[in-house]
Amino acid sequence: MHIGIHGKKFDQKTAPFIQKVFDELDKRKAEIVISEEYQEQLSKNRITARRYATYKEQDDLQYLDFMFTLGGDGTLLEALTHVGPTEVPILGINTGRLGFLATTSKQEIEQAIQCLFSSDYSYDERTLLRLESDEKLFDGLNFALNDFTILKKDTTSMIVVHAYIDGEFLNSYWADGIIVSTPTGSTGYNISCGGPLVLPQSNNFIITPVSPHNLTVRPIVVPDNCELSFTVEGRSGNFLISLDSRFETIDDSVRLKVVKEKFKAKLVKLRDNNYFETLRQKLNWGLDVRN
């Protein structure tokens, strides 16, 4: 079995759990390939593996059986840009804090790896969004699992985002920006700005304003088979756009369009993994002292 591994900087408290991953894979004679960025962190912390190779971000990884991410949700989002349209299944091992996507805990490492090698798992396929524009942006990695955002760049004045659905005018948002979220991203920036929770398989996008000037403007849920287009104006003439945690600066001449991506993110789902349980654990959703 060929396993890719990507992770983030970690401390000595986490090191034994990282070593556990490699020990379990070595025990099963897995072929391991590690991102060059993460390999440096492993060397600094003296993590050892029987044998492994390294890969660069632009390398073709379609031969992998699984991609492991060791960190939090941000690490998993980074790894998704590595595997891209190959749809290599991703197992997120959470060594961070929250972990909506990286749901396997440090204490479950051995059990999770055993499940993979005994084919005791399923896939959770998540919709991605794709950004199209009249300029090349994000080095061609123009997709996102969580969200696309348009935000003001400075702290002085709001911007105006003109939004269209399938070419029909929707609204002009006078705000600090807007978020276009997938159902997966509904638990992220979207919810912190008052947007709704949407179940992962809902086939929707959510448009949520960020600090709107007009308080009658509310988030709206739209089908994900529609085409969303935007133009932006403001005093500075420059704005920030993001795909997940990746940012770029554009000017008001750039035209932006968001559609559903043709491929999906394939997340490994272990037997006891339940979306509603994750909501209750991570968000304290529905927690009430009366329960």
C-alpha atoms as a PDB file:
ATOM      1  CA  MET A   1       0.000   0.000   0.000  1.00  0.00           C
ATOM      2  CA  HIS A   2       1.273   3.490  -0.943  1.00  0.00           C
ATOM      3  CA  ILE A   3       0.671   6.173   1.699  1.00  0.00           C
ATOM      4  CA  GLY A   4       1.360   9.894   1.307  1.00  0.00           C
ATOM      5  CA  ILE A   5       1.941  11.978   4.435  1.00  0.00           C
ATOM      6  CA  HIS A   6       1.723  15.735   4.911  1.00  0.00           C
ATOM      7  CA  GLY A   7       1.786  17.646   8.178  1.00  0.00           C
ATOM      8  CA  LYS A   8       2.628  20.844   9.992  1.00  0.00           C
ATOM      9  CA  LYS A   9       5.078  21.963  12.631  1.00  0.00           C
ATOM     10  CA  PHE A  10       4.618  20.081  15.901  1.00  0.00           C
ATOM     11  CA  ASP A  11       6.028  20.096  19.430  1.00  0.00           C
ATOM     12  CA  GLN A  12       7.633  17.391  21.552  1.00  0.00           C
ATOM     13  CA  LYS A  13       4.316  16.533  23.212  1.00  0.00           C
ATOM     14  CA  THR A  14       2.963  15.505  19.829  1.00  0.00           C
ATOM     15  CA  ALA A  15       6.123  13.741  18.612  1.00  0.00           C
ATOM     16  CA  PRO A  16       5.280  10.309  20.141  1.00  0.00           C
ATOM     17  CA  PHE A  17       1.961  10.260  18.258  1.00  0.00           C
ATOM     18  CA  ILE A  18       3.700  11.158  14.991  1.00  0.00           C
ATOM     19  CA  GLN A  19       6.214   8.375  15.575  1.00  0.00           C
ATOM     20  CA  LYS A  20       3.301   6.011  16.240  1.00  0.00           C
ATOM     21  CA  VAL A  21       1.950   6.654  12.738  1.00  0.00           C
ATOM     22  CA  PHE A  22       5.262   5.684  11.129  1.00  0.00           C
ATOM     23  CA  ASP A  23       5.715   2.679  13.406  1.00  0.00           C
ATOM     24  CA  GLU A  24       2.272   1.332  12.492  1.00  0.00           C
ATOM     25  CA  LEU A  25       2.880   1.857   8.778  1.00  0.00           C
ATOM     26  CA  ASP A  26       6.348   0.270   8.996  1.00  0.00           C
ATOM     27  CA  LYS A  27       4.841  -2.719  10.786  1.00  0.00           C
ATOM     28  CA  ARG A  28       2.539  -3.222   7.789  1.00  0.00           C
ATOM     29  CA  LYS A  29       5.336  -2.607   5.251  1.00  0.00           C
ATOM     30  CA  ALA A  30       3.591   0.377   3.662  1.00  0.00           C
ATOM     31  CA  GLU A  31       5.398   2.397   1.000  1.00  0.00           C
ATOM     32  CA  ILE A  32       5.585   5.909   2.432  1.00  0.00           C
ATOM     33  CA  VAL A  33       6.068   9.198   0.574  1.00  0.00           C
ATOM     34  CA  ILE A  34       6.358  12.418   2.603  1.00  0.00           C
ATOM     35  CA  SER A  35       5.984  16.031   1.479  1.00  0.00           C
ATOM     36  CA  GLU A  36       9.352  17.771   1.379  1.00  0.00           C
ATOM     37  CA  GLU A  37       8.087  20.502   3.690  1.00  0.00           C
ATOM     38  CA  TYR A  38       7.019  17.996   6.335  1.00  0.00           C
ATOM     39  CA  GLN A  39      10.125  15.846   6.011  1.00  0.00           C
ATOM     40  CA  GLU A  40      12.167  18.756   7.397  1.00  0.00           C
ATOM     41  CA  GLN A  41       9.956  18.857  10.499  1.00  0.00           C
ATOM     42  CA  LEU A  42      10.329  15.111  10.989  1.00  0.00           C
ATOM     43  CA  SER A  43      14.108  15.332  10.806  1.00  0.00           C
ATOM     44  CA  LYS A  44      14.224  18.181  13.336  1.00  0.00           C
ATOM     45  CA  ASN A  45      12.168  16.132  15.790  1.00  0.00           C
ATOM     46  CA  ARG A  46      14.065  12.875  15.106  1.00  0.00           C
ATOM     47  CA  ILE A  47      11.066  10.959  13.820  1.00  0.00           C
ATOM     48  CA  THR A  48      12.259   7.779  12.136  1.00  0.00           C
ATOM     49  CA  ALA A  49      10.772   5.553   9.441  1.00  0.00           C
ATOM     50  CA  ARG A  50      12.000   2.305   7.915  1.00  0.00           C
ATOM     51  CA  ARG A  51      11.985   3.647   4.382  1.00  0.00           C
ATOM     52  CA  TYR A  52      10.324   6.528   2.628  1.00  0.00           C
ATOM     53  CA  ALA A  53      10.564   8.872  -0.345  1.00  0.00           C
ATOM     54  CA  THR A  54       9.644  12.558  -0.588  1.00  0.00           C
ATOM     55  CA  TYR A  55       7.434  14.470  -2.983  1.00  0.00           C
ATOM     56  CA  LYS A  56       7.063  18.086  -4.073  1.00  0.00           C
ATOM     57  CA  GLU A  57       3.722  19.882  -4.093  1.00  0.00           C
ATOM     58  CA  GLN A  58       3.470  19.797  -7.892  1.00  0.00           C
ATOM     59  CA  ASP A  59       4.265  16.083  -8.217  1.00  0.00           C
ATOM     60  CA  ASP A  60       1.683  13.649  -9.576  1.00  0.00           C
ATOM     61  CA  LEU A  61       0.352  11.605  -6.647  1.00  0.00           C
ATOM     62  CA  GLN A  62      -2.328   9.582  -8.387  1.00  0.00           C
ATOM     63  CA  TYR A  63      -0.514   6.327  -7.517  1.00  0.00           C
ATOM     64  CA  LEU A  64      -1.222   6.806  -3.797  1.00  0.00           C
ATOM     65  CA  ASP A  65      -3.793   4.640  -2.047  1.00  0.00           C
ATOM     66  CA  PHE A  66      -4.275   7.181   0.766  1.00  0.00           C
ATOM     67  CA  MET A  67      -3.004  10.559   1.897  1.00  0.00           C
ATOM     68  CA  PHE A  68      -2.522  11.018   5.657  1.00  0.00           C
ATOM     69  CA  THR A  69      -2.583  14.511   7.142  1.00  0.00           C
ATOM     70  CA  LEU A  70      -1.057  15.080  10.582  1.00  0.00           C
ATOM     71  CA  GLY A  71      -2.284  18.359  12.025  1.00  0.00           C
ATOM     72  CA  GLY A  72      -5.642  20.083  11.881  1.00  0.00           C
ATOM     73  CA  ASP A  73      -8.156  21.057   9.223  1.00  0.00           C
ATOM     74  CA  GLY A  74      -5.735  23.545   7.669  1.00  0.00           C
ATOM     75  CA  THR A  75      -3.241  20.741   7.082  1.00  0.00           C
ATOM     76  CA  LEU A  76      -5.913  18.662   5.370  1.00  0.00           C
ATOM     77  CA  LEU A  77      -6.842  21.605   3.139  1.00  0.00           C
ATOM     78  CA  GLU A  78      -3.192  21.968   2.138  1.00  0.00           C
ATOM     79  CA  ALA A  79      -2.940  18.262   1.323  1.00  0.00           C
ATOM     80  CA  LEU A  80      -6.050  18.563  -0.820  1.00  0.00           C
ATOM     81  CA  THR A  81      -4.168  20.978  -3.099  1.00  0.00           C
ATOM     82  CA  HIS A  82      -1.433  18.323  -3.410  1.00  0.00           C
ATOM     83  CA  VAL A  83      -3.733  15.506  -4.550  1.00  0.00           C
ATOM     84  CA  GLY A  84      -6.173  17.738  -6.468  1.00  0.00           C
ATOM     85  CA  PRO A  85      -8.260  16.039  -9.178  1.00  0.00           C
ATOM     86  CA  THR A  86      -6.699  12.604  -8.528  1.00  0.00           C
ATOM     87  CA  GLU A  87      -9.255  12.244  -5.686  1.00  0.00           C
ATOM     88  CA  VAL A  88      -6.769  10.296  -3.552  1.00  0.00           C
ATOM     89  CA  PRO A  89      -8.655   9.519  -0.293  1.00  0.00           C
ATOM     90  CA  ILE A  90      -7.512  11.616   2.669  1.00  0.00           C
ATOM     91  CA  LEU A  91      -7.381  10.477   6.286  1.00  0.00           C
ATOM     92  CA  GLY A  92      -7.092  13.439   8.655  1.00  0.00           C
ATOM     93  CA  ILE A  93      -5.367  12.656  11.949  1.00  0.00           C
ATOM     94  CA  ASN A  94      -6.017  15.531  14.322  1.00  0.00           C
ATOM     95  CA  THR A  95      -2.975  16.646  16.305  1.00  0.00           C
ATOM     96  CA  GLY A  96      -4.369  20.187  16.534  1.00  0.00           C
ATOM     97  CA  ARG A  97      -7.394  21.614  18.301  1.00  0.00           C
ATOM     98  CA  LEU A  98     -10.783  21.653  16.573  1.00  0.00           C
ATOM     99  CA  GLY A  99     -10.771  19.236  13.646  1.00  0.00           C
ATOM    100  CA  PHE A 100     -14.076  19.158  11.715  1.00  0.00           C
ATOM    101  CA  LEU A 101     -12.340  17.454   8.778  1.00  0.00           C
ATOM    102  CA  ALA A 102      -9.415  15.824  10.559  1.00  0.00           C
ATOM    103  CA  THR A 103     -11.618  13.743  12.822  1.00  0.00           C
ATOM    104  CA  THR A 104      -9.269  10.887  13.795  1.00  0.00           C
ATOM    105  CA  SER A 105      -7.800  11.607  17.222  1.00  0.00           C
ATOM    106  CA  LYS A 106      -4.224  10.910  18.299  1.00  0.00           C
ATOM    107  CA  GLN A 107      -5.479   8.113  20.514  1.00  0.00           C
ATOM    108  CA  GLU A 108      -7.139   6.360  17.535  1.00  0.00           C
ATOM    109  CA  ILE A 109      -4.066   6.110  15.294  1.00  0.00           C
ATOM    110  CA  GLU A 110      -3.495   2.366  15.568  1.00  0.00           C
ATOM    111  CA  GLN A 111      -7.194   1.562  15.187  1.00  0.00           C
ATOM    112  CA  ALA A 112      -7.573   3.865  12.163  1.00  0.00           C
ATOM    113  CA  ILE A 113      -4.588   2.392  10.320  1.00  0.00           C
ATOM    114  CA  GLN A 114      -5.816  -1.124  11.039  1.00  0.00           C
ATOM    115  CA  CYS A 115      -9.206  -0.201   9.566  1.00  0.00           C
ATOM    116  CA  LEU A 116      -7.548   0.958   6.349  1.00  0.00           C
ATOM    117  CA  PHE A 117      -5.525  -2.214   5.950  1.00  0.00           C
ATOM    118  CA  SER A 118      -8.573  -4.394   6.648  1.00  0.00           C
ATOM    119  CA  SER A 119     -10.827  -2.317   4.311  1.00  0.00           C
ATOM    120  CA  ASP A 120     -13.118  -1.383   7.206  1.00  0.00           C
ATOM    121  CA  TYR A 121     -13.985   2.158   6.102  1.00  0.00           C
ATOM    122  CA  SER A 122     -16.095   4.157   3.659  1.00  0.00           C
ATOM    123  CA  TYR A 123     -15.679   7.408   1.735  1.00  0.00           C
ATOM    124  CA  ASP A 124     -17.263  10.766   2.467  1.00  0.00           C
ATOM    125  CA  GLU A 125     -17.266  12.657  -0.830  1.00  0.00           C
ATOM    126  CA  ARG A 126     -17.403  16.425  -0.432  1.00  0.00           C
ATOM    127  CA  THR A 127     -18.267  19.031  -3.064  1.00  0.00           C
ATOM    128  CA  LEU A 128     -15.614  21.576  -4.014  1.00  0.00           C
ATOM    129  CA  LEU A 129     -16.093  24.991  -5.558  1.00  0.00           C
ATOM    130  CA  ARG A 130     -14.014  26.354  -8.432  1.00  0.00           C
ATOM    131  CA  LEU A 131     -13.009  29.968  -9.050  1.00  0.00           C
ATOM    132  CA  GLU A 132     -12.877  31.143 -12.659  1.00  0.00           C
ATOM    133  CA  SER A 133     -11.578  34.566 -13.638  1.00  0.00           C
ATOM    134  CA  ASP A 134     -10.110  36.526 -16.529  1.00  0.00           C
ATOM    135  CA  GLU A 135      -6.702  36.363 -14.812  1.00  0.00           C
ATOM    136  CA  LYS A 136      -4.713  33.340 -13.678  1.00  0.00           C
ATOM    137  CA  LEU A 137      -4.974  33.197  -9.887  1.00  0.00           C
ATOM    138  CA  PHE A 138      -3.697  30.864  -7.146  1.00  0.00           C
ATOM    139  CA  ASP A 139      -1.122  29.259  -9.472  1.00  0.00           C
ATOM    140  CA  GLY A 140      -3.881  27.265 -11.117  1.00  0.00           C
ATOM    141  CA  LEU A 141      -5.010  25.707  -7.808  1.00  0.00           C
ATOM    142  CA  ASN A 142      -8.347  27.436  -8.182  1.00  0.00           C
ATOM    143  CA  PHE A 143     -10.534  25.145  -6.072  1.00  0.00           C
ATOM    144  CA  ALA A 144     -11.601  25.074  -2.433  1.00  0.00           C
ATOM    145  CA  LEU A 145     -13.295  22.676  -0.050  1.00  0.00           C
ATOM    146  CA  ASN A 146     -14.509  25.251   2.484  1.00  0.00           C
ATOM    147  CA  ASP A 147     -15.070  28.635   0.920  1.00  0.00           C
ATOM    148  CA  PHE A 148     -14.252  31.480  -1.435  1.00  0.00           C
ATOM    149  CA  THR A 149     -14.201  34.995   0.023  1.00  0.00           C
ATOM    150  CA  ILE A 150     -13.983  38.571  -1.207  1.00  0.00           C
ATOM    151  CA  LEU A 151     -12.771  40.964   1.503  1.00  0.00           C
ATOM    152  CA  LYS A 152     -11.699  44.570   1.814  1.00  0.00           C
ATOM    153  CA  LYS A 153      -7.943  44.961   2.050  1.00  0.00           C
ATOM    154  CA  ASP A 154      -7.660  47.971   4.330  1.00  0.00           C
ATOM    155  CA  THR A 155      -9.466  48.884   7.540  1.00  0.00           C
ATOM    156  CA  THR A 156     -11.021  52.172   6.488  1.00  0.00           C
ATOM    157  CA  SER A 157     -14.075  51.690   4.298  1.00  0.00           C
ATOM    158  CA  MET A 158     -16.413  48.936   3.201  1.00  0.00           C
ATOM    159  CA  ILE A 159     -16.601  47.565  -0.319  1.00  0.00           C
ATOM    160  CA  VAL A 160     -19.499  46.885  -2.655  1.00  0.00           C
ATOM    161  CA  VAL A 161     -19.821  43.398  -4.110  1.00  0.00           C
ATOM    162  CA  HIS A 162     -22.308  43.039  -6.965  1.00  0.00           C
ATOM    163  CA  ALA A 163     -23.528  39.424  -7.089  1.00  0.00           C
ATOM    164  CA  TYR A 164     -25.277  37.573  -9.917  1.00  0.00           C
ATOM    165  CA  ILE A 165     -26.808  34.084 -10.135  1.00  0.00           C
ATOM    166  CA  ASP A 166     -26.768  32.568 -13.631  1.00  0.00           C
ATOM    167  CA  GLY A 167     -26.357  36.091 -14.992  1.00  0.00           C
ATOM    168  CA  GLU A 168     -29.356  37.464 -13.098  1.00  0.00           C
ATOM    169  CA  PHE A 169     -28.675  40.262 -10.623  1.00  0.00           C
ATOM    170  CA  LEU A 170     -28.996  39.111  -6.994  1.00  0.00           C
ATOM    171  CA  ASN A 171     -27.808  41.972  -4.802  1.00  0.00           C
ATOM    172  CA  SER A 172     -25.185  44.617  -4.156  1.00  0.00           C
ATOM    173  CA  TYR A 173     -23.539  43.851  -0.830  1.00  0.00           C
ATOM    174  CA  TRP A 174     -22.256  46.928   1.026  1.00  0.00           C
ATOM    175  CA  ALA A 175     -20.060  45.142   3.531  1.00  0.00           C
ATOM    176  CA  ASP A 176     -16.557  44.175   4.593  1.00  0.00           C
ATOM    177  CA  GLY A 177     -16.914  41.329   2.107  1.00  0.00           C
ATOM    178  CA  ILE A 178     -18.830  38.157   1.280  1.00  0.00           C
ATOM    179  CA  ILE A 179     -18.302  34.429   1.699  1.00  0.00           C
ATOM    180  CA  VAL A 180     -19.332  31.749  -0.759  1.00  0.00           C
ATOM    181  CA  SER A 181     -19.295  28.552   1.277  1.00  0.00           C
ATOM    182  CA  THR A 182     -19.758  24.898   0.473  1.00  0.00           C
ATOM    183  CA  PRO A 183     -21.772  22.771   2.908  1.00  0.00           C
ATOM    184  CA  THR A 184     -18.429  21.534   4.286  1.00  0.00           C
ATOM    185  CA  GLY A 185     -17.345  25.132   4.916  1.00  0.00           C
ATOM    186  CA  SER A 186     -20.613  26.050   6.614  1.00  0.00           C
ATOM    187  CA  THR A 187     -19.013  25.260   9.998  1.00  0.00           C
ATOM    188  CA  GLY A 188     -16.098  27.627   9.281  1.00  0.00           C
ATOM    189  CA  TYR A 189     -15.960  31.340   8.486  1.00  0.00           C
ATOM    190  CA  ASN A 190     -19.579  31.158   7.340  1.00  0.00           C
ATOM    191  CA  ILE A 191     -20.983  30.270  10.739  1.00  0.00           C
ATOM    192  CA  SER A 192     -18.893  32.922  12.503  1.00  0.00           C
ATOM    193  CA  CYS A 193     -20.557  35.530  10.260  1.00  0.00           C
ATOM    194  CA  GLY A 194     -24.080  34.319  11.030  1.00  0.00           C
ATOM    195  CA  GLY A 195     -24.480  31.845   8.179  1.00  0.00           C
ATOM    196  CA  PRO A 196     -26.418  28.584   8.571  1.00  0.00           C
ATOM    197  CA  LEU A 197     -25.158  25.068   9.177  1.00  0.00           C
ATOM    198  CA  VAL A 198     -25.735  22.975   6.057  1.00  0.00           C
ATOM    199  CA  LEU A 199     -25.357  19.206   5.892  1.00  0.00           C
ATOM    200  CA  PRO A 200     -22.395  18.050   3.754  1.00  0.00           C
ATOM    201  CA  GLN A 201     -24.482  16.296   1.053  1.00  0.00           C
ATOM    202  CA  SER A 202     -26.963  19.145   0.570  1.00  0.00           C
ATOM    203  CA  ASN A 203     -25.838  20.218  -2.943  1.00  0.00           C
ATOM    204  CA  ASN A 204     -25.883  23.905  -2.048  1.00  0.00           C
ATOM    205  CA  PHE A 205     -23.690  26.975  -1.844  1.00  0.00           C
ATOM    206  CA  ILE A 206     -24.178  29.607   0.872  1.00  0.00           C
ATOM    207  CA  ILE A 207     -23.640  33.323   0.217  1.00  0.00           C
ATOM    208  CA  THR A 208     -22.989  35.117   3.502  1.00  0.00           C
ATOM    209  CA  PRO A 209     -22.149  38.835   3.876  1.00  0.00           C
ATOM    210  CA  VAL A 210     -19.333  39.872   6.219  1.00  0.00           C
ATOM    211  CA  SER A 211     -20.424  42.772   8.461  1.00  0.00           C
ATOM    212  CA  PRO A 212     -23.043  44.143   6.033  1.00  0.00           C
ATOM    213  CA  HIS A 213     -23.949  47.817   6.251  1.00  0.00           C
ATOM    214  CA  ASN A 214     -27.597  47.036   5.502  1.00  0.00           C
ATOM    215  CA  LEU A 215     -28.858  44.857   8.344  1.00  0.00           C
ATOM    216  CA  THR A 216     -31.757  43.503   6.263  1.00  0.00           C
ATOM    217  CA  VAL A 217     -29.257  41.571   4.133  1.00  0.00           C
ATOM    218  CA  ARG A 218     -29.109  37.947   5.225  1.00  0.00           C
ATOM    219  CA  PRO A 219     -27.289  34.794   4.100  1.00  0.00           C
ATOM    220  CA  ILE A 220     -28.885  32.939   1.211  1.00  0.00           C
ATOM    221  CA  VAL A 221     -28.644  29.268   0.253  1.00  0.00           C
ATOM    222  CA  VAL A 222     -28.545  28.537  -3.493  1.00  0.00           C
ATOM    223  CA  PRO A 223     -28.215  25.349  -5.595  1.00  0.00           C
ATOM    224  CA  ASP A 224     -24.617  24.360  -6.334  1.00  0.00           C
ATOM    225  CA  ASN A 225     -25.378  23.816 -10.035  1.00  0.00           C
ATOM    226  CA  CYS A 226     -25.767  27.551 -10.585  1.00  0.00           C
ATOM    227  CA  GLU A 227     -23.087  30.011 -11.679  1.00  0.00           C
ATOM    228  CA  LEU A 228     -22.223  32.802  -9.238  1.00  0.00           C
ATOM    229  CA  SER A 229     -20.454  35.866 -10.615  1.00  0.00           C
ATOM    230  CA  PHE A 230     -19.130  38.969  -8.884  1.00  0.00           C
ATOM    231  CA  THR A 231     -17.737  42.410  -9.528  1.00  0.00           C
ATOM    232  CA  VAL A 232     -16.232  44.529  -6.766  1.00  0.00           C
ATOM    233  CA  GLU A 233     -15.792  48.240  -6.201  1.00  0.00           C
ATOM    234  CA  GLY A 234     -14.401  50.371  -3.408  1.00  0.00           C
ATOM    235  CA  ARG A 235     -12.190  53.340  -2.603  1.00  0.00           C
ATOM    236  CA  SER A 236      -8.872  51.530  -2.585  1.00  0.00           C
ATOM    237  CA  GLY A 237      -9.404  49.634  -5.840  1.00  0.00           C
ATOM    238  CA  ASN A 238      -7.646  46.588  -4.376  1.00  0.00           C
ATOM    239  CA  PHE A 239      -9.281  43.668  -2.593  1.00  0.00           C
ATOM    240  CA  LEU A 240      -8.436  40.336  -1.025  1.00  0.00           C
ATOM    241  CA  ILE A 241      -9.825  37.086  -2.322  1.00  0.00           C
ATOM    242  CA  SER A 242      -9.278  33.673  -0.760  1.00  0.00           C
ATOM    243  CA  LEU A 243      -9.752  29.995  -1.460  1.00  0.00           C
ATOM    244  CA  ASP A 244      -9.795  28.241   1.896  1.00  0.00           C
ATOM    245  CA  SER A 245      -6.703  29.683   3.635  1.00  0.00           C
ATOM    246  CA  ARG A 246      -4.920  30.894   0.461  1.00  0.00           C
ATOM    247  CA  PHE A 247      -5.088  34.635  -0.279  1.00  0.00           C
ATOM    248  CA  GLU A 248      -4.399  36.871  -3.272  1.00  0.00           C
ATOM    249  CA  THR A 249      -4.823  40.576  -3.974  1.00  0.00           C
ATOM    250  CA  ILE A 250      -6.795  41.703  -7.037  1.00  0.00           C
ATOM    251  CA  ASP A 251      -8.014  45.023  -8.406  1.00  0.00           C
ATOM    252  CA  ASP A 252     -11.514  46.024  -9.455  1.00  0.00           C
ATOM    253  CA  SER A 253     -10.937  45.118 -13.118  1.00  0.00           C
ATOM    254  CA  VAL A 254     -10.940  41.359 -12.351  1.00  0.00           C
ATOM    255  CA  ARG A 255     -14.158  39.473 -13.010  1.00  0.00           C
ATOM    256  CA  LEU A 256     -14.867  36.509 -10.736  1.00  0.00           C
ATOM    257  CA  LYS A 257     -17.075  33.468 -11.177  1.00  0.00           C
ATOM    258  CA  VAL A 258     -17.714  30.536  -8.810  1.00  0.00           C
ATOM    259  CA  VAL A 259     -19.059  27.161  -9.952  1.00  0.00           C
ATOM    260  CA  LYS A 260     -19.070  23.606  -8.644  1.00  0.00           C
ATOM    261  CA  GLU A 261     -15.793  21.800  -9.288  1.00  0.00           C
ATOM    262  CA  LYS A 262     -15.885  18.693 -11.505  1.00  0.00           C
ATOM    263  CA  PHE A 263     -14.018  16.513  -9.008  1.00  0.00           C
ATOM    264  CA  LYS A 264     -14.601  16.005  -5.280  1.00  0.00           C
ATOM    265  CA  ALA A 265     -12.636  15.669  -2.075  1.00  0.00           C
ATOM    266  CA  LYS A 266     -12.721  12.075  -0.906  1.00  0.00           C
ATOM    267  CA  LEU A 267     -12.401  11.852   2.887  1.00  0.00           C
ATOM    268  CA  VAL A 268     -11.901   8.543   4.649  1.00  0.00           C
ATOM    269  CA  LYS A 269     -14.785   7.826   6.995  1.00  0.00           C
ATOM    270  CA  LEU A 270     -14.208   5.296   9.747  1.00  0.00           C
ATOM    271  CA  ARG A 271     -17.035   3.236  11.183  1.00  0.00           C
ATOM    272  CA  ASP A 272     -17.703   5.296  14.327  1.00  0.00           C
ATOM    273  CA  ASN A 273     -17.361   8.661  12.590  1.00  0.00           C
ATOM    274  CA  ASN A 274     -20.690  10.543  12.655  1.00  0.00           C
ATOM    275  CA  TYR A 275     -21.287  14.101  11.415  1.00  0.00           C
ATOM    276  CA  PHE A 276     -23.804  15.017  14.101  1.00  0.00           C
ATOM    277  CA  GLU A 277     -21.529  13.637  16.815  1.00  0.00           C
ATOM    278  CA  THR A 278     -18.761  15.842  15.418  1.00  0.00           C
ATOM    279  CA  LEU A 279     -21.051  18.881  15.604  1.00  0.00           C
ATOM    280  CA  ARG A 280     -21.928  18.133  19.212  1.00  0.00           C
ATOM    281  CA  GLN A 281     -18.300  17.581  20.194  1.00  0.00           C
ATOM    282  CA  LYS A 282     -16.654  20.441  18.317  1.00  0.00           C
ATOM    283  CA  LEU A 283     -19.335  23.127  18.589  1.00  0.00           C
ATOM    284  CA  ASN A 284     -21.039  22.010  21.795  1.00  0.00           C
ATOM    285  CA  TRP A 285     -24.047  22.051  19.469  1.00  0.00           C
ATOM    286  CA  GLY A 286     -27.293  21.775  21.378  1.00  0.00           C
ATOM    287  CA  LEU A 287     -25.473  21.761  24.726  1.00  0.00           C
ATOM    288  CA  ASP A 288     -27.834  22.830  27.476  1.00  0.00           C
ATOM    289  CA  VAL A 289     -27.462  22.459  31.238  1.00  0.00           C
ATOM    290  CA  ARG A 290     -31.033  21.119  31.273  1.00  0.00           C
ATOM    291  CA  ASN A 291     -30.027  18.063  29.207  1.00  0.00           C
END
